[in-house]
Amino acid sequence: MNEKTAKYTDRELFQRVSKGDQASLTILYTNYRDRLLRESYFILGDMADAEDTVQEVFVAVWNLRQSIKVENSFLPYLLQATWNKSLTKIRNRMKKEELEEMYHYVAEKTIEDQPFEREELAQLLDKALQLVPPAARRSFMLQYMEGHNQQSVATQQNISLQVVKNNVSLALRILRQALGNKKSF
C-alpha cells in the first residue's frame, strides 16, 4: 500500500465507492486484485478466465455499490463473490461442453445422413426454435450459435446477466422437450 491508500480503511474506501468515487474502487482493486486472481485461478485453472472473473467481480461491485454493506474488511465479500463467479464459470463450462458434444454428435450424424434427413433435422430444429419466445431465442442464439459469453449477450441485448441466464435456461428446456419428444409441430 502506498501512502495515499494507507490512510483509508476498507470501510472508508467502500463508503466512498458507494457514493460514486471510482478512484476508491481503483484503490480497492489494486489492494485485492492479486489475492482474488490467485483464488479464482485455483478454482478455474485458467489465468485468462481468472482475470475475467476478477474484472467481473469489480464490475458487479460498482453496479451494486449502493446495496453492498461493508462492516470492517472488504476482503470476505470479494472472496465470496470471486468464488461464486468462478464456480458459475465452471458450471457454465460444463454445460457448454455438454452442448458442444451434442452439437458435434448432431453435426457428425448429419454428415452421415442422407440429404433429405439433414433437411428434416434442420426443419425440426427451426420448428423447435420457433417454440422459444423471441427474447429467449435471441439470447440462446447469441450464446450457443454465435459463441458469445453470457455477459456479452447481456451487453448486446441491453439486459441483465440474470435475464440472459433465465432466457437461455428457458430456451434449452423448450428445445430439450421439443427435440427429445421428436413430436411434429
Protein backbone atom coordinates (compact mmCIF):
# COMPACT_ATOMS: atom_id res chain seq x y z
CA MET A 1 0.00 0.00 0.00
CA ASN A 2 1.26 3.45 -0.76
CA GLU A 3 0.81 6.48 1.46
CA LYS A 4 -2.39 7.57 -0.29
CA THR A 5 -4.13 4.20 0.08
CA ALA A 6 -2.86 3.61 3.64
CA LYS A 7 -4.90 6.47 5.06
CA TYR A 8 -8.28 4.83 4.34
CA THR A 9 -9.74 1.62 5.74
CA ASP A 10 -11.71 -0.74 3.51
CA ARG A 11 -14.89 0.54 5.06
CA GLU A 12 -13.97 4.16 4.34
CA LEU A 13 -12.92 3.32 0.80
CA PHE A 14 -16.12 1.44 0.15
CA GLN A 15 -18.21 4.26 1.59
CA ARG A 16 -16.54 6.48 -1.00
CA VAL A 17 -17.22 3.90 -3.71
CA SER A 18 -20.88 3.72 -2.73
CA LYS A 19 -21.05 7.48 -3.34
CA GLY A 20 -19.65 7.02 -6.84
CA ASP A 21 -15.90 7.54 -6.26
CA GLN A 22 -14.21 5.44 -8.95
CA ALA A 23 -10.74 6.27 -7.64
CA SER A 24 -11.57 4.49 -4.38
CA LEU A 25 -12.72 1.45 -6.35
CA THR A 26 -9.38 1.52 -8.18
CA ILE A 27 -7.58 1.53 -4.83
CA LEU A 28 -9.61 -1.47 -3.64
CA TYR A 29 -8.91 -3.23 -6.95
CA THR A 30 -5.19 -2.57 -6.61
CA ASN A 31 -5.20 -3.80 -3.00
CA TYR A 32 -7.06 -7.07 -3.67
CA ARG A 33 -6.57 -7.99 -7.34
CA ASP A 34 -3.64 -10.38 -6.85
CA ARG A 35 -5.30 -12.25 -3.98
CA LEU A 36 -8.58 -12.63 -5.88
CA LEU A 37 -6.71 -13.68 -9.01
CA ARG A 38 -4.96 -16.48 -7.09
CA GLU A 39 -8.27 -17.68 -5.64
CA SER A 40 -10.03 -17.67 -9.00
CA TYR A 41 -7.09 -19.34 -10.76
CA PHE A 42 -7.07 -22.06 -8.09
CA ILE A 43 -10.72 -22.85 -8.90
CA LEU A 44 -10.66 -22.36 -12.68
CA GLY A 45 -7.14 -23.43 -13.60
CA ASP A 46 -7.08 -20.83 -16.38
CA MET A 47 -5.43 -17.43 -15.95
CA ALA A 48 -7.50 -15.67 -18.64
CA ASP A 49 -10.74 -16.89 -17.05
CA ALA A 50 -9.43 -15.90 -13.61
CA GLU A 51 -8.62 -12.39 -14.84
CA ASP A 52 -12.08 -12.09 -16.43
CA THR A 53 -13.66 -13.27 -13.19
CA VAL A 54 -11.86 -10.68 -11.06
CA GLN A 55 -12.86 -7.96 -13.52
CA GLU A 56 -16.48 -9.17 -13.40
CA VAL A 57 -16.41 -9.08 -9.59
CA PHE A 58 -15.31 -5.45 -9.56
CA VAL A 59 -17.83 -4.51 -12.25
CA ALA A 60 -20.51 -6.12 -10.09
CA VAL A 61 -19.20 -4.25 -7.03
CA TRP A 62 -19.51 -1.00 -8.92
CA ASN A 63 -23.00 -1.84 -10.19
CA LEU A 64 -24.18 -2.96 -6.73
CA ARG A 65 -22.20 -0.38 -4.75
CA GLN A 66 -25.27 1.17 -3.12
CA SER A 67 -26.64 -2.13 -1.81
CA ILE A 68 -23.40 -3.75 -0.55
CA LYS A 69 -22.67 -3.38 3.17
CA VAL A 70 -19.07 -3.45 4.42
CA GLU A 71 -18.60 -3.74 8.16
CA ASN A 72 -14.80 -3.85 8.50
CA SER A 73 -12.82 -5.61 5.83
CA PHE A 74 -13.99 -5.76 2.23
CA LEU A 75 -11.97 -8.93 1.58
CA PRO A 76 -14.56 -11.50 2.76
CA TYR A 77 -17.17 -10.05 0.41
CA LEU A 78 -14.71 -10.01 -2.50
CA LEU A 79 -13.55 -13.57 -1.83
CA GLN A 80 -17.12 -14.89 -1.71
CA ALA A 81 -18.04 -13.03 -4.89
CA THR A 82 -14.92 -14.38 -6.62
CA TRP A 83 -15.61 -17.95 -5.52
CA ASN A 84 -19.24 -17.71 -6.64
CA LYS A 85 -18.35 -16.28 -10.07
CA SER A 86 -15.57 -18.84 -10.53
CA LEU A 87 -17.90 -21.72 -9.68
CA THR A 88 -20.54 -20.33 -12.03
CA LYS A 89 -17.93 -20.29 -14.81
CA ILE A 90 -17.13 -23.95 -14.07
CA ARG A 91 -20.84 -24.85 -14.25
CA ASN A 92 -21.25 -22.90 -17.50
CA ARG A 93 -18.12 -24.51 -18.93
CA MET A 94 -19.59 -27.94 -18.14
CA LYS A 95 -22.93 -27.04 -19.76
CA LYS A 96 -21.15 -25.65 -22.79
CA GLU A 97 -19.05 -28.81 -23.11
CA GLU A 98 -22.21 -30.94 -22.95
CA LEU A 99 -23.87 -28.82 -25.62
CA GLU A 100 -20.76 -28.90 -27.79
CA GLU A 101 -20.75 -32.69 -27.53
CA MET A 102 -24.41 -32.78 -28.56
CA TYR A 103 -23.70 -30.35 -31.41
CA HIS A 104 -20.74 -32.42 -32.66
CA TYR A 105 -22.82 -35.59 -32.46
CA VAL A 106 -25.64 -33.99 -34.43
CA ALA A 107 -23.19 -32.46 -36.94
CA GLU A 108 -21.43 -35.80 -37.36
CA LYS A 109 -24.72 -37.63 -37.70
CA THR A 110 -25.99 -35.05 -40.16
CA ILE A 111 -22.97 -35.56 -42.41
CA GLU A 112 -23.56 -39.32 -42.40
CA ASP A 113 -27.29 -38.99 -43.09
CA GLN A 114 -28.90 -38.65 -46.45
CA PRO A 115 -29.52 -35.09 -47.72
CA PHE A 116 -33.26 -35.30 -47.05
CA GLU A 117 -32.55 -36.32 -43.43
CA ARG A 118 -30.31 -33.25 -42.94
CA GLU A 119 -33.06 -31.06 -44.28
CA GLU A 120 -35.55 -32.74 -41.97
CA LEU A 121 -33.27 -32.20 -38.95
CA ALA A 122 -32.80 -28.55 -39.86
CA GLN A 123 -36.56 -28.15 -40.16
CA LEU A 124 -37.10 -29.83 -36.78
CA LEU A 125 -34.58 -27.50 -35.16
CA ASP A 126 -36.14 -24.45 -36.82
CA LYS A 127 -39.60 -25.51 -35.67
CA ALA A 128 -38.35 -26.17 -32.15
CA LEU A 129 -36.66 -22.76 -32.06
CA GLN A 130 -39.97 -21.15 -33.07
CA LEU A 131 -41.47 -22.51 -29.83
CA VAL A 132 -38.93 -20.47 -27.86
CA PRO A 133 -40.07 -16.92 -27.01
CA PRO A 134 -38.23 -14.30 -29.13
CA ALA A 135 -36.15 -12.79 -26.29
CA ALA A 136 -35.06 -16.23 -25.06
CA ARG A 137 -34.37 -17.34 -28.64
CA ARG A 138 -32.13 -14.31 -29.26
CA SER A 139 -30.15 -14.92 -26.04
CA PHE A 140 -29.78 -18.61 -26.91
CA MET A 141 -28.68 -17.89 -30.49
CA LEU A 142 -26.09 -15.33 -29.38
CA GLN A 143 -24.62 -17.65 -26.77
CA TYR A 144 -24.76 -21.07 -28.42
CA MET A 145 -24.88 -20.37 -32.14
CA GLU A 146 -22.59 -17.31 -32.25
CA GLY A 147 -20.36 -18.27 -29.31
CA HIS A 148 -20.76 -15.18 -27.11
CA ASN A 149 -20.47 -15.44 -23.33
CA GLN A 150 -23.46 -14.51 -21.18
CA GLN A 151 -22.04 -11.14 -20.14
CA SER A 152 -21.53 -10.23 -23.80
CA VAL A 153 -25.09 -11.34 -24.60
CA ALA A 154 -26.41 -9.19 -21.75
CA THR A 155 -24.50 -6.18 -23.04
CA GLN A 156 -25.62 -6.71 -26.65
CA GLN A 157 -29.24 -7.09 -25.65
CA ASN A 158 -29.08 -4.36 -23.01
CA ILE A 159 -30.48 -6.71 -20.34
CA SER A 160 -29.17 -8.01 -17.04
CA LEU A 161 -26.97 -11.08 -16.79
CA GLN A 162 -29.67 -12.86 -14.77
CA VAL A 163 -32.23 -12.27 -17.54
CA VAL A 164 -29.79 -13.81 -20.05
CA LYS A 165 -29.34 -16.84 -17.79
CA ASN A 166 -33.12 -17.20 -17.43
CA ASN A 167 -33.65 -16.79 -21.20
CA VAL A 168 -31.04 -19.40 -22.11
CA SER A 169 -32.33 -21.82 -19.49
CA LEU A 170 -35.87 -21.45 -20.84
CA ALA A 171 -34.70 -21.96 -24.43
CA LEU A 172 -32.74 -25.10 -23.52
CA ARG A 173 -35.69 -26.52 -21.58
CA ILE A 174 -38.06 -25.95 -24.53
CA LEU A 175 -35.60 -27.35 -27.07
CA ARG A 176 -34.88 -30.44 -24.98
CA GLN A 177 -38.57 -31.05 -24.56
CA ALA A 178 -39.43 -30.44 -28.21
CA LEU A 179 -36.50 -32.33 -29.73
CA GLY A 180 -36.42 -35.03 -27.09
CA ASN A 181 -40.03 -35.99 -27.81
CA LYS A 182 -39.45 -35.79 -31.60
CA LYS A 183 -43.05 -34.79 -31.97
CA SER A 184 -44.21 -32.98 -35.06
CA PHE A 185 -45.04 -29.34 -34.70
